[in-house]
Amino acid sequence: MAKLDTLRLRVRDAAALKRFYCDVLGMSDQGDGRIGYTPEQVALRFEEVGGAYRPQPTDLYWKIAISVPNIELACAQLRAHGVPVTEPQQFRDVGYLAKFTDPEGFTIELIDHHFQGERPEEEHDQTLLGGGPHISLVTLRCADIAAVEPDLLNAGMTPLSVQPVEPYGFTLYFYAFTSEQPPNANFTAVENRYWTYQRPYTVLEIQHVSAMQEEMQPDTEVSGYEGLTVSGASLALNRLRISSE
């Protein structure tokens, strides 16, 4: 089965950042210099450079998201490790979210499997981040969704959800290598949103910013986004720096 395979980030101290992701976030060695949760999800690989990471709102790369069964538990666990994290909040009808940054300044979003107040009463393994984390999203920005969507669909990705966030001037598009279909054939349906976050594989999220003229490509001399590789499918999308292994 095709999948999002490896997210490559340029960082200043790869060893220290690996320790954070493994010791604090609970990831493990996936081989070939990669870390992650399970082979079904995207893995992370850090490549060392000299310059610091300075994110901008027009950057091609935005964040990863980690979905959890219990976001309050995840926040408490992170704070116990000294990690500043925002209070969970329901962001419109998009998701129940919190955010923090890793030691190099890369944004990580926490997403609960359910909207605020809708989580069923369940027991979760309290030794795991949020009761059982997975890398649910890799989020890129794009100024022209019509320029990239055909390549994603031709590579075999399935659209799962479309989430207009009109007051903020963007729309979120979600794609995955999967044969699953969302619960509602209308991609904008709200039930497709938390269903998407619950998938056990990693989904590609694209933030289409209507007012952005062009997404900013990463500077190869400093820390930042290096690229995203896929396995089991043929995809060469230079605009998003996505390629086949």
C-alpha atoms as a PDB file:
ATOM      1  CA  MET A   1       0.000   0.000   0.000  1.00  0.00           C
ATOM      2  CA  ALA A   2       1.270   3.462  -0.859  1.00  0.00           C
ATOM      3  CA  LYS A   3       1.893   5.828   2.041  1.00  0.00           C
ATOM      4  CA  LEU A   4       3.444   9.081   3.120  1.00  0.00           C
ATOM      5  CA  ASP A   5       6.816   7.689   4.081  1.00  0.00           C
ATOM      6  CA  THR A   6       9.331  10.221   5.406  1.00  0.00           C
ATOM      7  CA  LEU A   7       9.158  13.879   6.377  1.00  0.00           C
ATOM      8  CA  ARG A   8      12.652  15.349   6.191  1.00  0.00           C
ATOM      9  CA  LEU A   9      13.459  18.432   8.254  1.00  0.00           C
ATOM     10  CA  ARG A  10      16.740  20.332   8.427  1.00  0.00           C
ATOM     11  CA  VAL A  11      17.720  21.083  12.023  1.00  0.00           C
ATOM     12  CA  ARG A  12      20.693  22.333  14.025  1.00  0.00           C
ATOM     13  CA  ASP A  13      20.994  19.410  16.475  1.00  0.00           C
ATOM     14  CA  ALA A  14      19.523  16.189  15.114  1.00  0.00           C
ATOM     15  CA  ALA A  15      20.557  14.040  18.092  1.00  0.00           C
ATOM     16  CA  ALA A  16      18.966  16.348  20.665  1.00  0.00           C
ATOM     17  CA  LEU A  17      15.795  16.675  18.637  1.00  0.00           C
ATOM     18  CA  LYS A  18      15.516  12.901  18.278  1.00  0.00           C
ATOM     19  CA  ARG A  19      15.758  12.570  22.049  1.00  0.00           C
ATOM     20  CA  PHE A  20      12.882  15.028  22.469  1.00  0.00           C
ATOM     21  CA  TYR A  21      10.638  13.196  20.025  1.00  0.00           C
ATOM     22  CA  CYS A  22      11.450   9.821  21.558  1.00  0.00           C
ATOM     23  CA  ASP A  23      11.689  10.652  25.275  1.00  0.00           C
ATOM     24  CA  VAL A  24       8.883  13.231  25.446  1.00  0.00           C
ATOM     25  CA  LEU A  25       6.567  12.353  22.564  1.00  0.00           C
ATOM     26  CA  GLY A  26       7.076   8.590  22.716  1.00  0.00           C
ATOM     27  CA  MET A  27       8.414   7.922  19.220  1.00  0.00           C
ATOM     28  CA  SER A  28      10.934   5.184  18.473  1.00  0.00           C
ATOM     29  CA  ASP A  29      13.616   4.249  15.963  1.00  0.00           C
ATOM     30  CA  GLN A  30      12.135   3.236  12.604  1.00  0.00           C
ATOM     31  CA  GLY A  31      15.502   2.502  10.966  1.00  0.00           C
ATOM     32  CA  ASP A  32      17.591   4.404   8.408  1.00  0.00           C
ATOM     33  CA  GLY A  33      17.848   7.416  10.708  1.00  0.00           C
ATOM     34  CA  ARG A  34      14.081   7.741  10.942  1.00  0.00           C
ATOM     35  CA  ILE A  35      11.827   7.956  13.993  1.00  0.00           C
ATOM     36  CA  GLY A  36       8.070   7.646  14.397  1.00  0.00           C
ATOM     37  CA  TYR A  37       5.229   5.768  16.024  1.00  0.00           C
ATOM     38  CA  THR A  38       4.348   2.904  13.663  1.00  0.00           C
ATOM     39  CA  PRO A  39       5.346   1.921  10.103  1.00  0.00           C
ATOM     40  CA  GLU A  40       1.830   2.821   8.867  1.00  0.00           C
ATOM     41  CA  GLN A  41       2.488   6.499   9.579  1.00  0.00           C
ATOM     42  CA  VAL A  42       4.992   8.968   8.226  1.00  0.00           C
ATOM     43  CA  ALA A  43       8.423   8.864   9.855  1.00  0.00           C
ATOM     44  CA  LEU A  44      10.647  11.859  10.618  1.00  0.00           C
ATOM     45  CA  ARG A  45      14.265  12.250   9.602  1.00  0.00           C
ATOM     46  CA  PHE A  46      16.415  15.164  10.750  1.00  0.00           C
ATOM     47  CA  GLU A  47      19.328  16.478   8.689  1.00  0.00           C
ATOM     48  CA  GLU A  48      21.799  18.884  10.290  1.00  0.00           C
ATOM     49  CA  VAL A  49      22.489  22.388   8.968  1.00  0.00           C
ATOM     50  CA  GLY A  50      23.840  25.553  10.566  1.00  0.00           C
ATOM     51  CA  GLY A  51      21.086  28.156  10.478  1.00  0.00           C
ATOM     52  CA  ALA A  52      18.190  28.469  12.917  1.00  0.00           C
ATOM     53  CA  TYR A  53      14.572  27.793  11.935  1.00  0.00           C
ATOM     54  CA  ARG A  54      12.579  31.000  11.455  1.00  0.00           C
ATOM     55  CA  PRO A  55       9.040  30.122  10.303  1.00  0.00           C
ATOM     56  CA  GLN A  56       7.015  32.564   8.203  1.00  0.00           C
ATOM     57  CA  PRO A  57       3.244  32.542   7.495  1.00  0.00           C
ATOM     58  CA  THR A  58       3.865  32.005   3.763  1.00  0.00           C
ATOM     59  CA  ASP A  59       6.256  29.064   4.199  1.00  0.00           C
ATOM     60  CA  LEU A  60       5.468  25.943   2.203  1.00  0.00           C
ATOM     61  CA  TYR A  61       5.789  23.845   5.372  1.00  0.00           C
ATOM     62  CA  TRP A  62       3.561  24.518   8.374  1.00  0.00           C
ATOM     63  CA  LYS A  63       3.436  21.629  10.875  1.00  0.00           C
ATOM     64  CA  ILE A  64       2.741  18.066  11.808  1.00  0.00           C
ATOM     65  CA  ALA A  65      -0.271  17.078  13.888  1.00  0.00           C
ATOM     66  CA  ILE A  66      -0.372  14.348  16.504  1.00  0.00           C
ATOM     67  CA  SER A  67      -3.849  12.975  17.167  1.00  0.00           C
ATOM     68  CA  VAL A  68      -4.657  11.536  20.571  1.00  0.00           C
ATOM     69  CA  PRO A  69      -7.661   9.968  22.331  1.00  0.00           C
ATOM     70  CA  ASN A  70      -7.387  12.437  25.229  1.00  0.00           C
ATOM     71  CA  ILE A  71      -5.934  15.875  24.576  1.00  0.00           C
ATOM     72  CA  GLU A  72      -6.108  17.018  28.220  1.00  0.00           C
ATOM     73  CA  LEU A  73      -3.977  14.038  29.233  1.00  0.00           C
ATOM     74  CA  ALA A  74      -1.463  14.857  26.479  1.00  0.00           C
ATOM     75  CA  CYS A  75      -1.186  18.469  27.614  1.00  0.00           C
ATOM     76  CA  ALA A  76      -0.651  17.432  31.231  1.00  0.00           C
ATOM     77  CA  GLN A  77       2.060  14.972  30.195  1.00  0.00           C
ATOM     78  CA  LEU A  78       3.848  17.600  28.094  1.00  0.00           C
ATOM     79  CA  ARG A  79       3.743  20.133  30.917  1.00  0.00           C
ATOM     80  CA  ALA A  80       5.205  17.522  33.257  1.00  0.00           C
ATOM     81  CA  HIS A  81       8.189  17.439  30.882  1.00  0.00           C
ATOM     82  CA  GLY A  82       8.437  21.234  30.991  1.00  0.00           C
ATOM     83  CA  VAL A  83       6.962  21.749  27.510  1.00  0.00           C
ATOM     84  CA  PRO A  84       4.765  24.869  27.195  1.00  0.00           C
ATOM     85  CA  VAL A  85       1.531  23.924  25.416  1.00  0.00           C
ATOM     86  CA  THR A  86      -1.615  25.948  24.796  1.00  0.00           C
ATOM     87  CA  GLU A  87      -4.879  25.090  26.512  1.00  0.00           C
ATOM     88  CA  PRO A  88      -7.040  22.778  24.386  1.00  0.00           C
ATOM     89  CA  GLN A  89      -9.830  24.622  22.650  1.00  0.00           C
ATOM     90  CA  GLN A  90     -12.523  23.819  20.124  1.00  0.00           C
ATOM     91  CA  PHE A  91     -11.550  25.720  16.985  1.00  0.00           C
ATOM     92  CA  ARG A  92     -14.842  26.389  15.198  1.00  0.00           C
ATOM     93  CA  ASP A  93     -16.109  23.108  13.658  1.00  0.00           C
ATOM     94  CA  VAL A  94     -12.581  22.111  12.637  1.00  0.00           C
ATOM     95  CA  GLY A  95     -11.223  20.316  15.707  1.00  0.00           C
ATOM     96  CA  TYR A  96     -10.417  20.253  19.407  1.00  0.00           C
ATOM     97  CA  LEU A  97      -6.822  21.487  19.349  1.00  0.00           C
ATOM     98  CA  ALA A  98      -3.727  22.538  21.264  1.00  0.00           C
ATOM     99  CA  LYS A  99      -0.293  23.583  20.012  1.00  0.00           C
ATOM    100  CA  PHE A 100       3.329  23.583  21.095  1.00  0.00           C
ATOM    101  CA  THR A 101       6.753  23.781  19.471  1.00  0.00           C
ATOM    102  CA  ASP A 102       9.658  21.377  19.578  1.00  0.00           C
ATOM    103  CA  PRO A 103      13.089  22.569  20.829  1.00  0.00           C
ATOM    104  CA  GLU A 104      14.008  23.871  17.360  1.00  0.00           C
ATOM    105  CA  GLY A 105      10.788  25.826  16.868  1.00  0.00           C
ATOM    106  CA  PHE A 106       8.793  23.496  14.599  1.00  0.00           C
ATOM    107  CA  THR A 107       5.064  23.666  15.301  1.00  0.00           C
ATOM    108  CA  ILE A 108       3.271  20.542  16.503  1.00  0.00           C
ATOM    109  CA  GLU A 109      -0.502  20.477  16.746  1.00  0.00           C
ATOM    110  CA  LEU A 110      -2.370  18.181  19.102  1.00  0.00           C
ATOM    111  CA  ILE A 111      -5.790  17.066  17.857  1.00  0.00           C
ATOM    112  CA  ASP A 112      -8.292  15.148  19.943  1.00  0.00           C
ATOM    113  CA  HIS A 113     -10.075  12.253  18.254  1.00  0.00           C
ATOM    114  CA  HIS A 114     -13.374  13.971  19.069  1.00  0.00           C
ATOM    115  CA  PHE A 115     -14.768  17.472  19.303  1.00  0.00           C
ATOM    116  CA  GLN A 116     -14.867  19.104  22.720  1.00  0.00           C
ATOM    117  CA  GLY A 117     -17.523  17.535  24.924  1.00  0.00           C
ATOM    118  CA  GLU A 118     -18.150  14.629  22.528  1.00  0.00           C
ATOM    119  CA  ARG A 119     -15.450  12.199  23.673  1.00  0.00           C
ATOM    120  CA  PRO A 120     -16.879   8.857  24.838  1.00  0.00           C
ATOM    121  CA  GLU A 121     -15.933   7.524  28.275  1.00  0.00           C
ATOM    122  CA  GLU A 122     -13.014   5.202  27.605  1.00  0.00           C
ATOM    123  CA  GLU A 123      -9.914   3.978  29.417  1.00  0.00           C
ATOM    124  CA  HIS A 124      -6.593   4.907  27.817  1.00  0.00           C
ATOM    125  CA  ASP A 125      -3.007   3.868  28.476  1.00  0.00           C
ATOM    126  CA  GLN A 126      -1.736   6.745  30.598  1.00  0.00           C
ATOM    127  CA  THR A 127       1.877   5.841  29.871  1.00  0.00           C
ATOM    128  CA  LEU A 128       1.367   6.930  26.239  1.00  0.00           C
ATOM    129  CA  LEU A 129       1.097  10.538  25.101  1.00  0.00           C
ATOM    130  CA  GLY A 130      -2.592  11.393  25.237  1.00  0.00           C
ATOM    131  CA  GLY A 131      -3.430   7.732  25.700  1.00  0.00           C
ATOM    132  CA  GLY A 132      -2.109   6.624  22.295  1.00  0.00           C
ATOM    133  CA  PRO A 133      -0.637   9.103  19.781  1.00  0.00           C
ATOM    134  CA  HIS A 134      -0.147   8.903  16.035  1.00  0.00           C
ATOM    135  CA  ILE A 135       1.143  11.367  13.439  1.00  0.00           C
ATOM    136  CA  SER A 136      -2.153  12.175  11.808  1.00  0.00           C
ATOM    137  CA  LEU A 137      -1.242  15.097   9.543  1.00  0.00           C
ATOM    138  CA  VAL A 138       1.613  16.652   7.635  1.00  0.00           C
ATOM    139  CA  THR A 139       0.494  20.178   6.753  1.00  0.00           C
ATOM    140  CA  LEU A 140       1.790  22.174   3.790  1.00  0.00           C
ATOM    141  CA  ARG A 141       0.639  25.554   2.484  1.00  0.00           C
ATOM    142  CA  CYS A 142      -0.300  26.312  -1.103  1.00  0.00           C
ATOM    143  CA  ALA A 143      -1.415  29.400  -3.012  1.00  0.00           C
ATOM    144  CA  ASP A 144      -3.130  27.405  -5.776  1.00  0.00           C
ATOM    145  CA  ILE A 145      -4.839  24.134  -4.862  1.00  0.00           C
ATOM    146  CA  ALA A 146      -5.867  23.554  -8.486  1.00  0.00           C
ATOM    147  CA  ALA A 147      -2.195  23.425  -9.447  1.00  0.00           C
ATOM    148  CA  VAL A 148      -1.385  20.532  -7.128  1.00  0.00           C
ATOM    149  CA  GLU A 149      -4.548  18.489  -6.619  1.00  0.00           C
ATOM    150  CA  PRO A 150      -4.472  16.686 -10.020  1.00  0.00           C
ATOM    151  CA  ASP A 151      -1.002  15.305  -9.276  1.00  0.00           C
ATOM    152  CA  LEU A 152      -2.112  14.063  -5.854  1.00  0.00           C
ATOM    153  CA  LEU A 153      -5.186  12.349  -7.290  1.00  0.00           C
ATOM    154  CA  ASN A 154      -3.239  10.863 -10.217  1.00  0.00           C
ATOM    155  CA  ALA A 155      -0.792   9.360  -7.713  1.00  0.00           C
ATOM    156  CA  GLY A 156      -3.694   7.515  -6.064  1.00  0.00           C
ATOM    157  CA  MET A 157      -4.482   9.754  -3.116  1.00  0.00           C
ATOM    158  CA  THR A 158      -8.078   9.869  -1.905  1.00  0.00           C
ATOM    159  CA  PRO A 159      -9.703  13.168  -0.874  1.00  0.00           C
ATOM    160  CA  LEU A 160     -11.134  12.871   2.635  1.00  0.00           C
ATOM    161  CA  SER A 161     -12.261  16.300   3.782  1.00  0.00           C
ATOM    162  CA  VAL A 162     -12.514  19.934   2.730  1.00  0.00           C
ATOM    163  CA  GLN A 163     -12.769  22.479   5.514  1.00  0.00           C
ATOM    164  CA  PRO A 164     -13.423  26.126   4.575  1.00  0.00           C
ATOM    165  CA  VAL A 165     -12.306  28.491   7.338  1.00  0.00           C
ATOM    166  CA  GLU A 166     -13.585  31.648   5.693  1.00  0.00           C
ATOM    167  CA  PRO A 167     -13.024  34.196   8.487  1.00  0.00           C
ATOM    168  CA  TYR A 168      -9.324  33.284   8.404  1.00  0.00           C
ATOM    169  CA  GLY A 169      -8.992  33.320   4.618  1.00  0.00           C
ATOM    170  CA  PHE A 170      -8.063  29.698   4.019  1.00  0.00           C
ATOM    171  CA  THR A 171      -9.482  26.283   3.196  1.00  0.00           C
ATOM    172  CA  LEU A 172      -8.036  22.983   4.393  1.00  0.00           C
ATOM    173  CA  TYR A 173      -7.848  20.020   2.021  1.00  0.00           C
ATOM    174  CA  PHE A 174      -7.047  16.479   3.209  1.00  0.00           C
ATOM    175  CA  TYR A 175      -5.721  13.586   1.106  1.00  0.00           C
ATOM    176  CA  ALA A 176      -4.460  10.093   1.941  1.00  0.00           C
ATOM    177  CA  PHE A 177      -3.261   6.901   0.327  1.00  0.00           C
ATOM    178  CA  THR A 178      -6.250   4.810   1.352  1.00  0.00           C
ATOM    179  CA  SER A 179      -9.183   2.873  -0.065  1.00  0.00           C
ATOM    180  CA  GLU A 180     -11.372   4.165   2.766  1.00  0.00           C
ATOM    181  CA  GLN A 181     -14.119   6.623   1.972  1.00  0.00           C
ATOM    182  CA  PRO A 182     -15.213   9.314   4.438  1.00  0.00           C
ATOM    183  CA  PRO A 183     -18.573   8.782   6.152  1.00  0.00           C
ATOM    184  CA  ASN A 184     -20.248  11.549   4.141  1.00  0.00           C
ATOM    185  CA  ALA A 185     -19.858  11.914   0.363  1.00  0.00           C
ATOM    186  CA  ASN A 186     -19.973  15.683   0.836  1.00  0.00           C
ATOM    187  CA  PHE A 187     -16.319  16.406   1.633  1.00  0.00           C
ATOM    188  CA  THR A 188     -17.252  19.548   3.597  1.00  0.00           C
ATOM    189  CA  ALA A 189     -19.466  17.580   6.028  1.00  0.00           C
ATOM    190  CA  VAL A 190     -18.452  18.091   9.649  1.00  0.00           C
ATOM    191  CA  GLU A 191     -18.440  14.355  10.474  1.00  0.00           C
ATOM    192  CA  ASN A 192     -15.637  13.856   7.946  1.00  0.00           C
ATOM    193  CA  ARG A 193     -13.396  16.096  10.040  1.00  0.00           C
ATOM    194  CA  TYR A 194     -12.962  14.169  13.272  1.00  0.00           C
ATOM    195  CA  TRP A 195     -13.212  10.910  11.284  1.00  0.00           C
ATOM    196  CA  THR A 196     -10.135  12.059   9.337  1.00  0.00           C
ATOM    197  CA  TYR A 197      -8.168  12.745  12.528  1.00  0.00           C
ATOM    198  CA  GLN A 198      -8.944   9.227  13.806  1.00  0.00           C
ATOM    199  CA  ARG A 199      -7.397   7.430  10.806  1.00  0.00           C
ATOM    200  CA  PRO A 200      -4.405   5.263  11.831  1.00  0.00           C
ATOM    201  CA  TYR A 201      -2.306   6.471   8.876  1.00  0.00           C
ATOM    202  CA  THR A 202      -0.869   9.912   8.121  1.00  0.00           C
ATOM    203  CA  VAL A 203      -2.940  12.285   6.015  1.00  0.00           C
ATOM    204  CA  LEU A 204      -1.602  15.120   3.864  1.00  0.00           C
ATOM    205  CA  GLU A 205      -3.264  18.411   4.813  1.00  0.00           C
ATOM    206  CA  ILE A 206      -2.932  21.369   2.453  1.00  0.00           C
ATOM    207  CA  GLN A 207      -3.810  24.843   3.672  1.00  0.00           C
ATOM    208  CA  HIS A 208      -4.912  26.792   0.622  1.00  0.00           C
ATOM    209  CA  VAL A 209      -4.502  30.478   1.476  1.00  0.00           C
ATOM    210  CA  SER A 210      -6.640  32.528  -0.908  1.00  0.00           C
ATOM    211  CA  ALA A 211      -4.728  35.806  -0.503  1.00  0.00           C
ATOM    212  CA  MET A 212      -1.254  34.280  -0.837  1.00  0.00           C
ATOM    213  CA  GLN A 213       0.381  34.906  -4.205  1.00  0.00           C
ATOM    214  CA  GLU A 214       2.953  32.144  -3.885  1.00  0.00           C
ATOM    215  CA  GLU A 215       4.087  29.836  -1.121  1.00  0.00           C
ATOM    216  CA  MET A 216       7.651  30.454   0.058  1.00  0.00           C
ATOM    217  CA  GLN A 217      10.031  27.684  -0.897  1.00  0.00           C
ATOM    218  CA  PRO A 218      12.464  26.658   1.869  1.00  0.00           C
ATOM    219  CA  ASP A 219      15.980  28.056   2.052  1.00  0.00           C
ATOM    220  CA  THR A 220      18.323  25.077   1.812  1.00  0.00           C
ATOM    221  CA  GLU A 221      21.012  26.805   3.899  1.00  0.00           C
ATOM    222  CA  VAL A 222      19.020  27.015   7.137  1.00  0.00           C
ATOM    223  CA  SER A 223      16.772  24.791   9.226  1.00  0.00           C
ATOM    224  CA  GLY A 224      13.369  24.026   7.782  1.00  0.00           C
ATOM    225  CA  TYR A 225      11.472  21.746   5.458  1.00  0.00           C
ATOM    226  CA  GLU A 226      13.583  19.537   3.210  1.00  0.00           C
ATOM    227  CA  GLY A 227      10.856  17.434   1.633  1.00  0.00           C
ATOM    228  CA  LEU A 228       8.287  14.666   1.927  1.00  0.00           C
ATOM    229  CA  THR A 229       8.721  11.266   0.313  1.00  0.00           C
ATOM    230  CA  VAL A 230       6.080   8.701  -0.541  1.00  0.00           C
ATOM    231  CA  SER A 231       6.512   4.973  -0.997  1.00  0.00           C
ATOM    232  CA  GLY A 232       4.493   2.586  -3.146  1.00  0.00           C
ATOM    233  CA  ALA A 233       3.343   5.301  -5.561  1.00  0.00           C
ATOM    234  CA  SER A 234       4.813   7.519  -8.249  1.00  0.00           C
ATOM    235  CA  LEU A 235       4.617  11.185  -7.354  1.00  0.00           C
ATOM    236  CA  ALA A 236       6.900  14.061  -8.297  1.00  0.00           C
ATOM    237  CA  LEU A 237       5.392  17.340  -7.135  1.00  0.00           C
ATOM    238  CA  ASN A 238       8.239  19.822  -6.999  1.00  0.00           C
ATOM    239  CA  ARG A 239       6.018  22.700  -5.931  1.00  0.00           C
ATOM    240  CA  LEU A 240       5.300  20.906  -2.646  1.00  0.00           C
ATOM    241  CA  ARG A 241       8.674  19.134  -2.510  1.00  0.00           C
ATOM    242  CA  ILE A 242       6.966  15.735  -2.527  1.00  0.00           C
ATOM    243  CA  SER A 243       8.685  12.876  -4.328  1.00  0.00           C
ATOM    244  CA  SER A 244       8.747   9.111  -4.593  1.00  0.00           C
ATOM    245  CA  GLU A 245      11.491   7.217  -2.814  1.00  0.00           C
END
